[in-house]
Protein backbone atom coordinates (compact mmCIF):
# COMPACT_ATOMS: atom_id res chain seq x y z
CA MET A 1 192.06 214.55 192.70
CA ALA A 2 190.60 211.06 192.85
CA THR A 3 188.02 210.13 190.26
CA ASN A 4 185.11 207.78 190.60
CA LEU A 5 185.13 205.24 187.78
CA LEU A 6 181.36 204.74 187.88
CA SER A 7 180.57 208.44 187.56
CA ILE A 8 183.00 208.72 184.63
CA ARG A 9 181.36 205.73 182.93
CA ARG A 10 177.91 207.18 183.50
CA SER A 11 178.98 210.49 181.94
CA ILE A 12 180.30 208.70 178.86
CA LEU A 13 177.19 206.60 178.38
CA MET A 14 174.89 209.62 178.67
CA ASN A 15 176.82 211.51 175.98
CA GLY A 16 175.93 209.08 173.18
CA SER A 17 178.54 210.33 170.67
CA ALA A 18 182.31 210.64 170.95
CA PRO A 19 183.28 209.70 174.50
CA LYS A 20 183.86 212.55 176.90
CA TYR A 21 185.31 211.93 180.32
CA PHE A 22 184.47 213.88 183.47
CA ASP A 23 185.77 213.68 187.03
CA ASP A 24 183.55 213.80 190.13
CA ASP A 25 183.62 217.61 190.10
CA GLY A 26 182.24 217.71 186.56
CA THR A 27 185.53 218.83 185.04
CA GLU A 28 186.12 217.37 181.60
CA ILE A 29 189.19 215.15 181.32
CA ASN A 30 191.10 215.16 178.03
CA PRO A 31 192.04 211.48 177.46
CA ASP A 32 195.09 212.56 175.43
CA LEU A 33 196.52 214.16 178.58
CA ILE A 34 196.08 211.11 180.83
CA PRO A 35 199.57 209.68 181.38
CA LYS A 36 200.06 206.25 179.80
CA PRO A 37 201.88 203.87 182.17
CA ASP A 38 204.56 201.51 180.86
CA LEU A 39 202.19 198.57 181.41
CA CYS A 40 199.79 200.08 178.86
CA ILE A 41 202.51 200.56 176.27
CA ILE A 42 203.39 196.85 176.33
CA CYS A 43 199.73 195.73 176.35
CA LYS A 44 198.20 194.27 173.19
CA LYS A 45 195.12 196.47 173.75
CA ASP A 46 197.17 199.66 173.43
CA GLY A 47 196.03 201.66 170.42
CA GLN A 48 192.75 199.82 169.91
CA SER A 49 189.66 201.90 169.30
CA GLY A 50 186.10 201.64 170.50
CA GLU A 51 185.15 200.08 173.79
CA GLU A 52 188.69 198.90 174.61
CA ASP A 53 190.02 202.44 174.26
CA ILE A 54 187.28 203.76 176.53
CA LEU A 55 187.96 201.12 179.18
CA CYS A 56 191.70 201.77 179.05
CA ASN A 57 191.17 205.53 179.40
CA LEU A 58 188.82 204.98 182.35
CA THR A 59 191.31 202.72 184.08
CA ARG A 60 194.14 205.23 183.63
CA ALA A 61 191.99 208.21 184.69
CA ASP A 62 190.79 206.37 187.78
CA GLN A 63 194.34 205.66 188.94
CA GLN A 64 195.94 209.00 188.11
CA GLY A 65 198.25 210.16 190.87
CA GLN A 66 198.48 206.75 192.55
CA GLY A 67 201.86 205.13 193.10
CA GLU A 68 201.37 201.75 191.44
CA PHE A 69 199.30 201.24 188.29
CA ARG A 70 197.23 198.05 188.13
CA CYS A 71 195.16 196.76 185.24
CA ASP A 72 193.21 193.51 185.37
CA ALA A 73 192.61 193.67 181.60
CA TYR A 74 196.34 193.68 180.74
CA GLU A 75 197.42 191.22 178.03
CA PRO A 76 201.06 191.19 176.85
CA LYS A 77 201.78 191.92 173.20
CA GLU A 78 202.73 188.84 171.23
């Protein structure tokens, strides 16, 4: 099931409290169950809270089920 990043973002912004993620069908996505690619594990943004965490979750949710994971926000850990 492909997700639309903009509709997920819109759902989060409308919530106003703890972020909740929804796919295009309106099904809630549990961010703890979104697989974390190896690239995320070696990224310095891994484990951050707030907006960075939301953006990372959106990026991972949007690419679920695709062969190659890409992230333009990736920064290697120092």
